[in-house]
């Protein structure tokens, strides 16, 4: 099957699907040398670009899973967007994703994108 034979896997937001996004970003950036989520890219934190693109894709809400120490800073930076939920991550990526899904309004979603 070629790539042209496959059905389009993108979500058709216009079809009325309501989706929520969970962004696991609780890593410490040990290999990178800094917390990547706040590194500036073209004058904005990387996480701000992520939120912007998810909004443009039609996300009904966005749950950011962050290091506990960064929650206050993230909430201040994203205060203008009331649909962004910030929660502390767990000890592992799996635990962080579970915490993010639990904190999101997933019950009102057709889909939760991680």
PDB file of N, CA and C in Angstrom:
ATOM      1  N   UNK A   1       0.857  -1.179   0.000  1.00  0.00           N
ATOM      2  CA  UNK A   1       0.000   0.000   0.000  1.00  0.00           C
ATOM      3  C   UNK A   1       0.899   1.236   0.000  1.00  0.00           C
ATOM      4  N   UNK A   2       0.714   2.103  -0.943  1.00  0.00           N
ATOM      5  CA  UNK A   2       1.511   3.324  -0.994  1.00  0.00           C
ATOM      6  C   UNK A   2       0.896   4.387  -0.097  1.00  0.00           C
ATOM      7  N   UNK A   3       1.665   5.449   0.138  1.00  0.00           N
ATOM      8  CA  UNK A   3       1.158   6.527   0.996  1.00  0.00           C
ATOM      9  C   UNK A   3      -0.068   7.199   0.383  1.00  0.00           C
ATOM     10  N   UNK A   4      -0.225   7.112  -0.917  1.00  0.00           N
ATOM     11  CA  UNK A   4      -1.405   7.722  -1.541  1.00  0.00           C
ATOM     12  C   UNK A   4      -2.644   6.842  -1.412  1.00  0.00           C
ATOM     13  N   UNK A   5      -2.454   5.564  -1.085  1.00  0.00           N
ATOM     14  CA  UNK A   5      -3.579   4.643  -0.917  1.00  0.00           C
ATOM     15  C   UNK A   5      -4.172   4.676   0.487  1.00  0.00           C
ATOM     16  N   UNK A   6      -3.428   5.201   1.432  1.00  0.00           N
ATOM     17  CA  UNK A   6      -3.896   5.202   2.821  1.00  0.00           C
ATOM     18  C   UNK A   6      -4.937   6.281   3.034  1.00  0.00           C
ATOM     19  N   UNK A   7      -5.927   5.984   3.855  1.00  0.00           N
ATOM     20  CA  UNK A   7      -6.877   7.047   4.206  1.00  0.00           C
ATOM     21  C   UNK A   7      -6.170   8.103   5.048  1.00  0.00           C
ATOM     22  N   UNK A   8      -6.634   9.318   4.955  1.00  0.00           N
ATOM     23  CA  UNK A   8      -6.049  10.416   5.722  1.00  0.00           C
ATOM     24  C   UNK A   8      -6.291  10.171   7.200  1.00  0.00           C
ATOM     25  N   UNK A   9      -5.210  10.117   7.980  1.00  0.00           N
ATOM     26  CA  UNK A   9      -5.314   9.812   9.409  1.00  0.00           C
ATOM     27  C   UNK A   9      -5.560  11.050  10.257  1.00  0.00           C
ATOM     28  N   UNK A  10      -5.575  12.228   9.659  1.00  0.00           N
ATOM     29  CA  UNK A  10      -5.794  13.446  10.439  1.00  0.00           C
ATOM     30  C   UNK A  10      -7.221  13.517  10.950  1.00  0.00           C
ATOM     31  N   UNK A  11      -7.387  14.189  12.062  1.00  0.00           N
ATOM     32  CA  UNK A  11      -8.711  14.371  12.651  1.00  0.00           C
ATOM     33  C   UNK A  11      -9.458  15.421  11.840  1.00  0.00           C
ATOM     34  N   UNK A  12     -10.656  15.129  11.459  1.00  0.00           N
ATOM     35  CA  UNK A  12     -11.482  16.099  10.758  1.00  0.00           C
ATOM     36  C   UNK A  12     -12.274  16.879  11.803  1.00  0.00           C
ATOM     37  N   UNK A  13     -11.674  17.961  12.291  1.00  0.00           N
ATOM     38  CA  UNK A  13     -12.306  18.759  13.336  1.00  0.00           C
ATOM     39  C   UNK A  13     -13.620  19.341  12.836  1.00  0.00           C
ATOM     40  N   UNK A  14     -13.688  19.625  11.562  1.00  0.00           N
ATOM     41  CA  UNK A  14     -14.916  20.182  11.002  1.00  0.00           C
ATOM     42  C   UNK A  14     -16.077  19.198  11.106  1.00  0.00           C
ATOM     43  N   UNK A  15     -15.778  17.919  11.254  1.00  0.00           N
ATOM     44  CA  UNK A  15     -16.833  16.911  11.369  1.00  0.00           C
ATOM     45  C   UNK A  15     -17.450  16.911  12.759  1.00  0.00           C
ATOM     46  N   UNK A  16     -16.979  17.773  13.626  1.00  0.00           N
ATOM     47  CA  UNK A  16     -17.577  17.904  14.946  1.00  0.00           C
ATOM     48  C   UNK A  16     -16.918  17.094  16.039  1.00  0.00           C
ATOM     49  N   UNK A  17     -15.773  16.488  15.777  1.00  0.00           N
ATOM     50  CA  UNK A  17     -15.073  15.768  16.830  1.00  0.00           C
ATOM     51  C   UNK A  17     -14.522  16.755  17.846  1.00  0.00           C
ATOM     52  N   UNK A  18     -14.744  16.472  19.105  1.00  0.00           N
ATOM     53  CA  UNK A  18     -14.210  17.310  20.176  1.00  0.00           C
ATOM     54  C   UNK A  18     -13.008  16.573  20.753  1.00  0.00           C
ATOM     55  N   UNK A  19     -11.824  17.232  20.716  1.00  0.00           N
ATOM     56  CA  UNK A  19     -10.663  16.551  21.264  1.00  0.00           C
ATOM     57  C   UNK A  19      -9.938  17.413  22.286  1.00  0.00           C
ATOM     58  N   UNK A  20      -9.333  16.720  23.223  1.00  0.00           N
ATOM     59  CA  UNK A  20      -8.513  17.340  24.256  1.00  0.00           C
ATOM     60  C   UNK A  20      -7.085  16.845  24.062  1.00  0.00           C
ATOM     61  N   UNK A  21      -6.129  17.709  24.323  1.00  0.00           N
ATOM     62  CA  UNK A  21      -4.724  17.353  24.162  1.00  0.00           C
ATOM     63  C   UNK A  21      -4.039  17.281  25.520  1.00  0.00           C
ATOM     64  N   UNK A  22      -3.229  16.255  25.698  1.00  0.00           N
ATOM     65  CA  UNK A  22      -2.393  16.111  26.887  1.00  0.00           C
ATOM     66  C   UNK A  22      -0.950  16.168  26.402  1.00  0.00           C
ATOM     67  N   UNK A  23      -0.171  17.109  26.945  1.00  0.00           N
ATOM     68  CA  UNK A  23       1.214  17.300  26.526  1.00  0.00           C
ATOM     69  C   UNK A  23       2.137  16.911  27.672  1.00  0.00           C
ATOM     70  N   UNK A  24       2.772  15.722  27.603  1.00  0.00           N
ATOM     71  CA  UNK A  24       3.722  15.349  28.643  1.00  0.00           C
ATOM     72  C   UNK A  24       5.019  16.144  28.460  1.00  0.00           C
ATOM     73  N   UNK A  25       5.292  17.044  29.388  1.00  0.00           N
ATOM     74  CA  UNK A  25       6.486  17.901  29.311  1.00  0.00           C
ATOM     75  C   UNK A  25       7.122  18.031  30.691  1.00  0.00           C
ATOM     76  N   UNK A  26       7.134  16.921  31.431  1.00  0.00           N
ATOM     77  CA  UNK A  26       7.641  16.961  32.804  1.00  0.00           C
ATOM     78  C   UNK A  26       9.098  16.532  32.911  1.00  0.00           C
ATOM     79  N   UNK A  27       9.752  16.360  31.771  1.00  0.00           N
ATOM     80  CA  UNK A  27      11.156  15.946  31.800  1.00  0.00           C
ATOM     81  C   UNK A  27      12.063  17.032  32.359  1.00  0.00           C
ATOM     82  N   UNK A  28      13.212  16.606  32.830  1.00  0.00           N
ATOM     83  CA  UNK A  28      14.168  17.542  33.429  1.00  0.00           C
ATOM     84  C   UNK A  28      15.164  18.094  32.405  1.00  0.00           C
ATOM     85  N   UNK A  29      15.176  17.535  31.218  1.00  0.00           N
ATOM     86  CA  UNK A  29      16.092  18.004  30.180  1.00  0.00           C
ATOM     87  C   UNK A  29      17.538  17.696  30.488  1.00  0.00           C
ATOM     88  N   UNK A  30      17.789  16.564  31.136  1.00  0.00           N
ATOM     89  CA  UNK A  30      19.160  16.230  31.539  1.00  0.00           C
ATOM     90  C   UNK A  30      20.099  16.099  30.347  1.00  0.00           C
ATOM     91  N   UNK A  31      19.688  15.421  29.295  1.00  0.00           N
ATOM     92  CA  UNK A  31      20.549  15.279  28.118  1.00  0.00           C
ATOM     93  C   UNK A  31      20.695  16.597  27.379  1.00  0.00           C
ATOM     94  N   UNK A  32      19.636  17.386  27.351  1.00  0.00           N
ATOM     95  CA  UNK A  32      19.631  18.673  26.653  1.00  0.00           C
ATOM     96  C   UNK A  32      20.401  19.729  27.436  1.00  0.00           C
ATOM     97  N   UNK A  33      20.403  19.601  28.768  1.00  0.00           N
ATOM     98  CA  UNK A  33      21.108  20.557  29.609  1.00  0.00           C
ATOM     99  C   UNK A  33      20.224  21.653  30.170  1.00  0.00           C
ATOM    100  N   UNK A  34      18.951  21.626  29.849  1.00  0.00           N
ATOM    101  CA  UNK A  34      17.983  22.609  30.353  1.00  0.00           C
ATOM    102  C   UNK A  34      16.584  22.058  30.109  1.00  0.00           C
ATOM    103  N   UNK A  35      15.618  22.641  30.782  1.00  0.00           N
ATOM    104  CA  UNK A  35      14.227  22.242  30.570  1.00  0.00           C
ATOM    105  C   UNK A  35      13.784  22.743  29.197  1.00  0.00           C
ATOM    106  N   UNK A  36      13.630  21.840  28.251  1.00  0.00           N
ATOM    107  CA  UNK A  36      13.322  22.222  26.860  1.00  0.00           C
ATOM    108  C   UNK A  36      12.008  22.973  26.722  1.00  0.00           C
ATOM    109  N   UNK A  37      11.053  22.685  27.602  1.00  0.00           N
ATOM    110  CA  UNK A  37       9.729  23.271  27.445  1.00  0.00           C
ATOM    111  C   UNK A  37       9.727  24.800  27.515  1.00  0.00           C
ATOM    112  N   UNK A  38      10.748  25.382  28.137  1.00  0.00           N
ATOM    113  CA  UNK A  38      10.796  26.838  28.269  1.00  0.00           C
ATOM    114  C   UNK A  38      11.912  27.486  27.446  1.00  0.00           C
ATOM    115  N   UNK A  39      12.613  26.702  26.648  1.00  0.00           N
ATOM    116  CA  UNK A  39      13.669  27.247  25.799  1.00  0.00           C
ATOM    117  C   UNK A  39      13.018  28.139  24.740  1.00  0.00           C
ATOM    118  N   UNK A  40      13.535  29.359  24.552  1.00  0.00           N
ATOM    119  CA  UNK A  40      12.933  30.242  23.549  1.00  0.00           C
ATOM    120  C   UNK A  40      13.224  29.774  22.117  1.00  0.00           C
ATOM    121  N   UNK A  41      12.188  29.778  21.309  1.00  0.00           N
ATOM    122  CA  UNK A  41      12.292  29.476  19.885  1.00  0.00           C
ATOM    123  C   UNK A  41      11.581  30.624  19.170  1.00  0.00           C
ATOM    124  N   UNK A  42      12.329  31.350  18.369  1.00  0.00           N
ATOM    125  CA  UNK A  42      11.773  32.508  17.655  1.00  0.00           C
ATOM    126  C   UNK A  42      11.072  33.459  18.622  1.00  0.00           C
ATOM    127  N   UNK A  43      11.696  33.667  19.783  1.00  0.00           N
ATOM    128  CA  UNK A  43      11.202  34.655  20.739  1.00  0.00           C
ATOM    129  C   UNK A  43      10.110  34.195  21.684  1.00  0.00           C
ATOM    130  N   UNK A  44       9.697  32.934  21.584  1.00  0.00           N
ATOM    131  CA  UNK A  44       8.647  32.416  22.475  1.00  0.00           C
ATOM    132  C   UNK A  44       9.098  31.077  23.054  1.00  0.00           C
ATOM    133  N   UNK A  45       8.642  30.747  24.268  1.00  0.00           N
ATOM    134  CA  UNK A  45       8.989  29.431  24.816  1.00  0.00           C
ATOM    135  C   UNK A  45       8.428  28.309  23.932  1.00  0.00           C
ATOM    136  N   UNK A  46       9.175  27.230  23.815  1.00  0.00           N
ATOM    137  CA  UNK A  46       8.746  26.098  23.000  1.00  0.00           C
ATOM    138  C   UNK A  46       7.334  25.650  23.367  1.00  0.00           C
ATOM    139  N   UNK A  47       7.027  25.639  24.650  1.00  0.00           N
ATOM    140  CA  UNK A  47       5.701  25.221  25.104  1.00  0.00           C
ATOM    141  C   UNK A  47       4.599  26.145  24.579  1.00  0.00           C
ATOM    142  N   UNK A  48       4.885  27.430  24.446  1.00  0.00           N
ATOM    143  CA  UNK A  48       3.893  28.371  23.902  1.00  0.00           C
ATOM    144  C   UNK A  48       3.584  28.044  22.443  1.00  0.00           C
ATOM    145  N   UNK A  49       4.593  27.633  21.685  1.00  0.00           N
ATOM    146  CA  UNK A  49       4.362  27.225  20.300  1.00  0.00           C
ATOM    147  C   UNK A  49       3.488  25.976  20.249  1.00  0.00           C
ATOM    148  N   UNK A  50       3.749  25.044  21.155  1.00  0.00           N
ATOM    149  CA  UNK A  50       2.956  23.811  21.207  1.00  0.00           C
ATOM    150  C   UNK A  50       1.494  24.129  21.474  1.00  0.00           C
ATOM    151  N   UNK A  51       1.244  24.982  22.471  1.00  0.00           N
ATOM    152  CA  UNK A  51      -0.129  25.368  22.807  1.00  0.00           C
ATOM    153  C   UNK A  51      -0.787  26.054  21.610  1.00  0.00           C
ATOM    154  N   UNK A  52      -0.059  26.942  20.969  1.00  0.00           N
ATOM    155  CA  UNK A  52      -0.616  27.661  19.813  1.00  0.00           C
ATOM    156  C   UNK A  52      -1.036  26.699  18.703  1.00  0.00           C
ATOM    157  N   UNK A  53      -0.176  25.757  18.384  1.00  0.00           N
ATOM    158  CA  UNK A  53      -0.483  24.812  17.301  1.00  0.00           C
ATOM    159  C   UNK A  53      -1.654  23.899  17.660  1.00  0.00           C
ATOM    160  N   UNK A  54      -1.734  23.482  18.918  1.00  0.00           N
ATOM    161  CA  UNK A  54      -2.872  22.655  19.336  1.00  0.00           C
ATOM    162  C   UNK A  54      -4.172  23.447  19.268  1.00  0.00           C
ATOM    163  N   UNK A  55      -4.113  24.725  19.629  1.00  0.00           N
ATOM    164  CA  UNK A  55      -5.293  25.589  19.505  1.00  0.00           C
ATOM    165  C   UNK A  55      -5.718  25.695  18.039  1.00  0.00           C
ATOM    166  N   UNK A  56      -4.739  25.924  17.166  1.00  0.00           N
ATOM    167  CA  UNK A  56      -5.038  26.041  15.737  1.00  0.00           C
ATOM    168  C   UNK A  56      -5.639  24.749  15.180  1.00  0.00           C
ATOM    169  N   UNK A  57      -5.259  23.619  15.763  1.00  0.00           N
ATOM    170  CA  UNK A  57      -5.792  22.325  15.329  1.00  0.00           C
ATOM    171  C   UNK A  57      -7.190  22.072  15.876  1.00  0.00           C
ATOM    172  N   UNK A  58      -7.649  22.940  16.791  1.00  0.00           N
ATOM    173  CA  UNK A  58      -9.006  22.817  17.299  1.00  0.00           C
ATOM    174  C   UNK A  58      -9.151  22.144  18.641  1.00  0.00           C
ATOM    175  N   UNK A  59      -8.069  22.021  19.405  1.00  0.00           N
ATOM    176  CA  UNK A  59      -8.165  21.384  20.725  1.00  0.00           C
ATOM    177  C   UNK A  59      -9.148  22.143  21.609  1.00  0.00           C
ATOM    178  N   UNK A  60     -10.076  21.411  22.218  1.00  0.00           N
ATOM    179  CA  UNK A  60     -11.048  22.022  23.128  1.00  0.00           C
ATOM    180  C   UNK A  60     -10.372  22.446  24.423  1.00  0.00           C
ATOM    181  N   UNK A  61      -9.379  21.680  24.846  1.00  0.00           N
ATOM    182  CA  UNK A  61      -8.580  22.043  26.015  1.00  0.00           C
ATOM    183  C   UNK A  61      -7.215  21.396  25.867  1.00  0.00           C
ATOM    184  N   UNK A  62      -6.270  21.918  26.632  1.00  0.00           N
ATOM    185  CA  UNK A  62      -4.902  21.411  26.596  1.00  0.00           C
ATOM    186  C   UNK A  62      -4.449  21.224  28.031  1.00  0.00           C
ATOM    187  N   UNK A  63      -3.972  20.029  28.344  1.00  0.00           N
ATOM    188  CA  UNK A  63      -3.425  19.754  29.670  1.00  0.00           C
ATOM    189  C   UNK A  63      -1.921  19.591  29.523  1.00  0.00           C
ATOM    190  N   UNK A  64      -1.176  20.471  30.191  1.00  0.00           N
ATOM    191  CA  UNK A  64       0.280  20.408  30.185  1.00  0.00           C
ATOM    192  C   UNK A  64       0.736  19.701  31.448  1.00  0.00           C
ATOM    193  N   UNK A  65       1.544  18.677  31.290  1.00  0.00           N
ATOM    194  CA  UNK A  65       2.085  17.938  32.427  1.00  0.00           C
ATOM    195  C   UNK A  65       3.539  18.372  32.565  1.00  0.00           C
ATOM    196  N   UNK A  66       3.838  19.041  33.681  1.00  0.00           N
ATOM    197  CA  UNK A  66       5.123  19.720  33.861  1.00  0.00           C
ATOM    198  C   UNK A  66       5.808  19.293  35.149  1.00  0.00           C
ATOM    199  N   UNK A  67       7.105  19.605  35.280  1.00  0.00           N
ATOM    200  CA  UNK A  67       7.750  19.391  36.572  1.00  0.00           C
ATOM    201  C   UNK A  67       7.043  20.242  37.632  1.00  0.00           C
ATOM    202  N   UNK A  68       6.872  19.700  38.813  1.00  0.00           N
ATOM    203  CA  UNK A  68       6.154  20.411  39.882  1.00  0.00           C
ATOM    204  C   UNK A  68       6.752  21.791  40.137  1.00  0.00           C
ATOM    205  N   UNK A  69       8.062  21.914  40.050  1.00  0.00           N
ATOM    206  CA  UNK A  69       8.728  23.197  40.312  1.00  0.00           C
ATOM    207  C   UNK A  69       8.401  24.265  39.269  1.00  0.00           C
ATOM    208  N   UNK A  70       7.919  23.867  38.112  1.00  0.00           N
ATOM    209  CA  UNK A  70       7.643  24.814  37.027  1.00  0.00           C
ATOM    210  C   UNK A  70       6.174  25.194  36.892  1.00  0.00           C
ATOM    211  N   UNK A  71       5.304  24.630  37.728  1.00  0.00           N
ATOM    212  CA  UNK A  71       3.867  24.887  37.579  1.00  0.00           C
ATOM    213  C   UNK A  71       3.516  26.362  37.709  1.00  0.00           C
ATOM    214  N   UNK A  72       4.043  27.029  38.729  1.00  0.00           N
ATOM    215  CA  UNK A  72       3.726  28.443  38.944  1.00  0.00           C
ATOM    216  C   UNK A  72       4.142  29.299  37.766  1.00  0.00           C
ATOM    217  N   UNK A  73       5.352  29.069  37.270  1.00  0.00           N
ATOM    218  CA  UNK A  73       5.859  29.837  36.135  1.00  0.00           C
ATOM    219  C   UNK A  73       5.013  29.574  34.892  1.00  0.00           C
ATOM    220  N   UNK A  74       4.669  28.321  34.648  1.00  0.00           N
ATOM    221  CA  UNK A  74       3.859  27.988  33.471  1.00  0.00           C
ATOM    222  C   UNK A  74       2.483  28.626  33.563  1.00  0.00           C
ATOM    223  N   UNK A  75       1.880  28.593  34.722  1.00  0.00           N
ATOM    224  CA  UNK A  75       0.548  29.201  34.882  1.00  0.00           C
ATOM    225  C   UNK A  75       0.603  30.706  34.636  1.00  0.00           C
ATOM    226  N   UNK A  76       1.662  31.359  35.096  1.00  0.00           N
ATOM    227  CA  UNK A  76       1.804  32.804  34.852  1.00  0.00           C
ATOM    228  C   UNK A  76       1.960  33.082  33.358  1.00  0.00           C
ATOM    229  N   UNK A  77       2.768  32.300  32.703  1.00  0.00           N
ATOM    230  CA  UNK A  77       3.023  32.516  31.273  1.00  0.00           C
ATOM    231  C   UNK A  77       1.787  32.255  30.418  1.00  0.00           C
ATOM    232  N   UNK A  78       0.933  31.352  30.883  1.00  0.00           N
ATOM    233  CA  UNK A  78      -0.224  30.948  30.083  1.00  0.00           C
ATOM    234  C   UNK A  78      -1.541  31.419  30.673  1.00  0.00           C
ATOM    235  N   UNK A  79      -1.489  32.423  31.542  1.00  0.00           N
ATOM    236  CA  UNK A  79      -2.691  32.904  32.231  1.00  0.00           C
ATOM    237  C   UNK A  79      -3.756  33.411  31.267  1.00  0.00           C
ATOM    238  N   UNK A  80      -3.354  33.833  30.093  1.00  0.00           N
ATOM    239  CA  UNK A  80      -4.318  34.372  29.129  1.00  0.00           C
ATOM    240  C   UNK A  80      -5.192  33.283  28.509  1.00  0.00           C
ATOM    241  N   UNK A  81      -4.834  32.028  28.705  1.00  0.00           N
ATOM    242  CA  UNK A  81      -5.592  30.935  28.098  1.00  0.00           C
ATOM    243  C   UNK A  81      -6.226  30.075  29.187  1.00  0.00           C
ATOM    244  N   UNK A  82      -7.498  30.329  29.510  1.00  0.00           N
ATOM    245  CA  UNK A  82      -8.141  29.602  30.602  1.00  0.00           C
ATOM    246  C   UNK A  82      -8.376  28.129  30.299  1.00  0.00           C
ATOM    247  N   UNK A  83      -8.265  27.729  29.053  1.00  0.00           N
ATOM    248  CA  UNK A  83      -8.476  26.328  28.699  1.00  0.00           C
ATOM    249  C   UNK A  83      -7.207  25.492  28.805  1.00  0.00           C
ATOM    250  N   UNK A  84      -6.116  26.094  29.286  1.00  0.00           N
ATOM    251  CA  UNK A  84      -4.881  25.343  29.497  1.00  0.00           C
ATOM    252  C   UNK A  84      -4.815  24.941  30.963  1.00  0.00           C
ATOM    253  N   UNK A  85      -4.708  23.643  31.193  1.00  0.00           N
ATOM    254  CA  UNK A  85      -4.623  23.088  32.536  1.00  0.00           C
ATOM    255  C   UNK A  85      -3.178  22.665  32.756  1.00  0.00           C
ATOM    256  N   UNK A  86      -2.583  23.061  33.872  1.00  0.00           N
ATOM    257  CA  UNK A  86      -1.212  22.678  34.198  1.00  0.00           C
ATOM    258  C   UNK A  86      -1.223  21.759  35.413  1.00  0.00           C
ATOM    259  N   UNK A  87      -0.611  20.588  35.280  1.00  0.00           N
ATOM    260  CA  UNK A  87      -0.527  19.643  36.389  1.00  0.00           C
ATOM    261  C   UNK A  87       0.902  19.144  36.527  1.00  0.00           C
ATOM    262  N   UNK A  88       1.237  18.701  37.736  1.00  0.00           N
ATOM    263  CA  UNK A  88       2.566  18.148  38.008  1.00  0.00           C
ATOM    264  C   UNK A  88       2.663  16.732  37.455  1.00  0.00           C
ATOM    265  N   UNK A  89       3.821  16.423  36.900  1.00  0.00           N
ATOM    266  CA  UNK A  89       4.066  15.094  36.365  1.00  0.00           C
ATOM    267  C   UNK A  89       4.438  14.097  37.444  1.00  0.00           C
ATOM    268  N   UNK A  90       4.539  12.847  37.040  1.00  0.00           N
ATOM    269  CA  UNK A  90       4.895  11.771  37.952  1.00  0.00           C
ATOM    270  C   UNK A  90       6.359  11.390  37.823  1.00  0.00           C
ATOM    271  N   UNK A  91       6.692  10.261  38.407  1.00  0.00           N
ATOM    272  CA  UNK A  91       8.080   9.784  38.393  1.00  0.00           C
ATOM    273  C   UNK A  91       8.497   9.231  37.029  1.00  0.00           C
ATOM    274  N   UNK A  92       7.540   8.795  36.237  1.00  0.00           N
ATOM    275  CA  UNK A  92       7.827   8.237  34.914  1.00  0.00           C
ATOM    276  C   UNK A  92       6.933   8.920  33.881  1.00  0.00           C
ATOM    277  N   UNK A  93       7.268   8.737  32.608  1.00  0.00           N
ATOM    278  CA  UNK A  93       6.427   9.296  31.548  1.00  0.00           C
ATOM    279  C   UNK A  93       5.027   8.684  31.622  1.00  0.00           C
ATOM    280  N   UNK A  94       4.953   7.378  31.865  1.00  0.00           N
ATOM    281  CA  UNK A  94       3.653   6.715  31.961  1.00  0.00           C
ATOM    282  C   UNK A  94       2.807   7.333  33.070  1.00  0.00           C
ATOM    283  N   UNK A  95       3.422   7.573  34.228  1.00  0.00           N
ATOM    284  CA  UNK A  95       2.692   8.193  35.342  1.00  0.00           C
ATOM    285  C   UNK A  95       2.274   9.616  34.982  1.00  0.00           C
ATOM    286  N   UNK A  96       3.140  10.344  34.296  1.00  0.00           N
ATOM    287  CA  UNK A  96       2.816  11.715  33.893  1.00  0.00           C
ATOM    288  C   UNK A  96       1.639  11.749  32.926  1.00  0.00           C
ATOM    289  N   UNK A  97       1.632  10.841  31.958  1.00  0.00           N
ATOM    290  CA  UNK A  97       0.520  10.789  31.003  1.00  0.00           C
ATOM    291  C   UNK A  97      -0.775  10.455  31.732  1.00  0.00           C
ATOM    292  N   UNK A  98      -0.721   9.494  32.655  1.00  0.00           N
ATOM    293  CA  UNK A  98      -1.924   9.127  33.417  1.00  0.00           C
ATOM    294  C   UNK A  98      -2.442  10.313  34.219  1.00  0.00           C
ATOM    295  N   UNK A  99      -1.550  11.074  34.839  1.00  0.00           N
ATOM    296  CA  UNK A  99      -1.959  12.259  35.599  1.00  0.00           C
ATOM    297  C   UNK A  99      -2.581  13.309  34.676  1.00  0.00           C
ATOM    298  N   UNK A 100      -1.998  13.486  33.497  1.00  0.00           N
ATOM    299  CA  UNK A 100      -2.534  14.455  32.541  1.00  0.00           C
ATOM    300  C   UNK A 100      -3.913  14.075  32.038  1.00  0.00           C
ATOM    301  N   UNK A 101      -4.106  12.812  31.714  1.00  0.00           N
ATOM    302  CA  UNK A 101      -5.418  12.359  31.240  1.00  0.00           C
ATOM    303  C   UNK A 101      -6.447  12.506  32.353  1.00  0.00           C
ATOM    304  N   UNK A 102      -6.060  12.149  33.582  1.00  0.00           N
ATOM    305  CA  UNK A 102      -6.986  12.260  34.718  1.00  0.00           C
ATOM    306  C   UNK A 102      -7.388  13.708  34.978  1.00  0.00           C
ATOM    307  N   UNK A 103      -6.487  14.655  34.719  1.00  0.00           N
ATOM    308  CA  UNK A 103      -6.772  16.071  34.982  1.00  0.00           C
ATOM    309  C   UNK A 103      -7.523  16.743  33.836  1.00  0.00           C
ATOM    310  N   UNK A 104      -7.528  16.124  32.672  1.00  0.00           N
ATOM    311  CA  UNK A 104      -8.188  16.740  31.516  1.00  0.00           C
ATOM    312  C   UNK A 104      -9.685  16.463  31.554  1.00  0.00           C
ATOM    313  N   UNK A 105     -10.464  17.292  30.866  1.00  0.00           N
ATOM    314  CA  UNK A 105     -11.910  17.044  30.786  1.00  0.00           C
ATOM    315  C   UNK A 105     -12.210  15.958  29.749  1.00  0.00           C
ATOM    316  N   UNK A 106     -11.525  14.828  29.863  1.00  0.00           N
ATOM    317  CA  UNK A 106     -11.612  13.759  28.872  1.00  0.00           C
ATOM    318  C   UNK A 106     -13.018  13.194  28.721  1.00  0.00           C
ATOM    319  N   UNK A 107     -13.816  13.255  29.767  1.00  0.00           N
ATOM    320  CA  UNK A 107     -15.171  12.696  29.696  1.00  0.00           C
ATOM    321  C   UNK A 107     -16.022  13.405  28.646  1.00  0.00           C
ATOM    322  N   UNK A 108     -15.680  14.659  28.344  1.00  0.00           N
ATOM    323  CA  UNK A 108     -16.460  15.409  27.353  1.00  0.00           C
ATOM    324  C   UNK A 108     -15.839  15.344  25.961  1.00  0.00           C
ATOM    325  N   UNK A 109     -14.864  14.452  25.779  1.00  0.00           N
ATOM    326  CA  UNK A 109     -14.134  14.392  24.514  1.00  0.00           C
ATOM    327  C   UNK A 109     -14.530  13.184  23.682  1.00  0.00           C
ATOM    328  N   UNK A 110     -14.426  13.356  22.382  1.00  0.00           N
ATOM    329  CA  UNK A 110     -14.515  12.223  21.474  1.00  0.00           C
ATOM    330  C   UNK A 110     -13.156  11.543  21.380  1.00  0.00           C
ATOM    331  N   UNK A 111     -12.104  12.321  21.691  1.00  0.00           N
ATOM    332  CA  UNK A 111     -10.742  11.850  21.532  1.00  0.00           C
ATOM    333  C   UNK A 111      -9.833  12.601  22.500  1.00  0.00           C
ATOM    334  N   UNK A 112      -8.861  11.895  23.066  1.00  0.00           N
ATOM    335  CA  UNK A 112      -7.812  12.531  23.860  1.00  0.00           C
ATOM    336  C   UNK A 112      -6.504  12.254  23.132  1.00  0.00           C
ATOM    337  N   UNK A 113      -5.827  13.306  22.705  1.00  0.00           N
ATOM    338  CA  UNK A 113      -4.562  13.175  21.989  1.00  0.00           C
ATOM    339  C   UNK A 113      -3.417  13.401  22.956  1.00  0.00           C
ATOM    340  N   UNK A 114      -2.460  12.470  22.983  1.00  0.00           N
ATOM    341  CA  UNK A 114      -1.286  12.592  23.858  1.00  0.00           C
ATOM    342  C   UNK A 114      -0.079  12.780  22.975  1.00  0.00           C
TER     343      UNK A 114
END
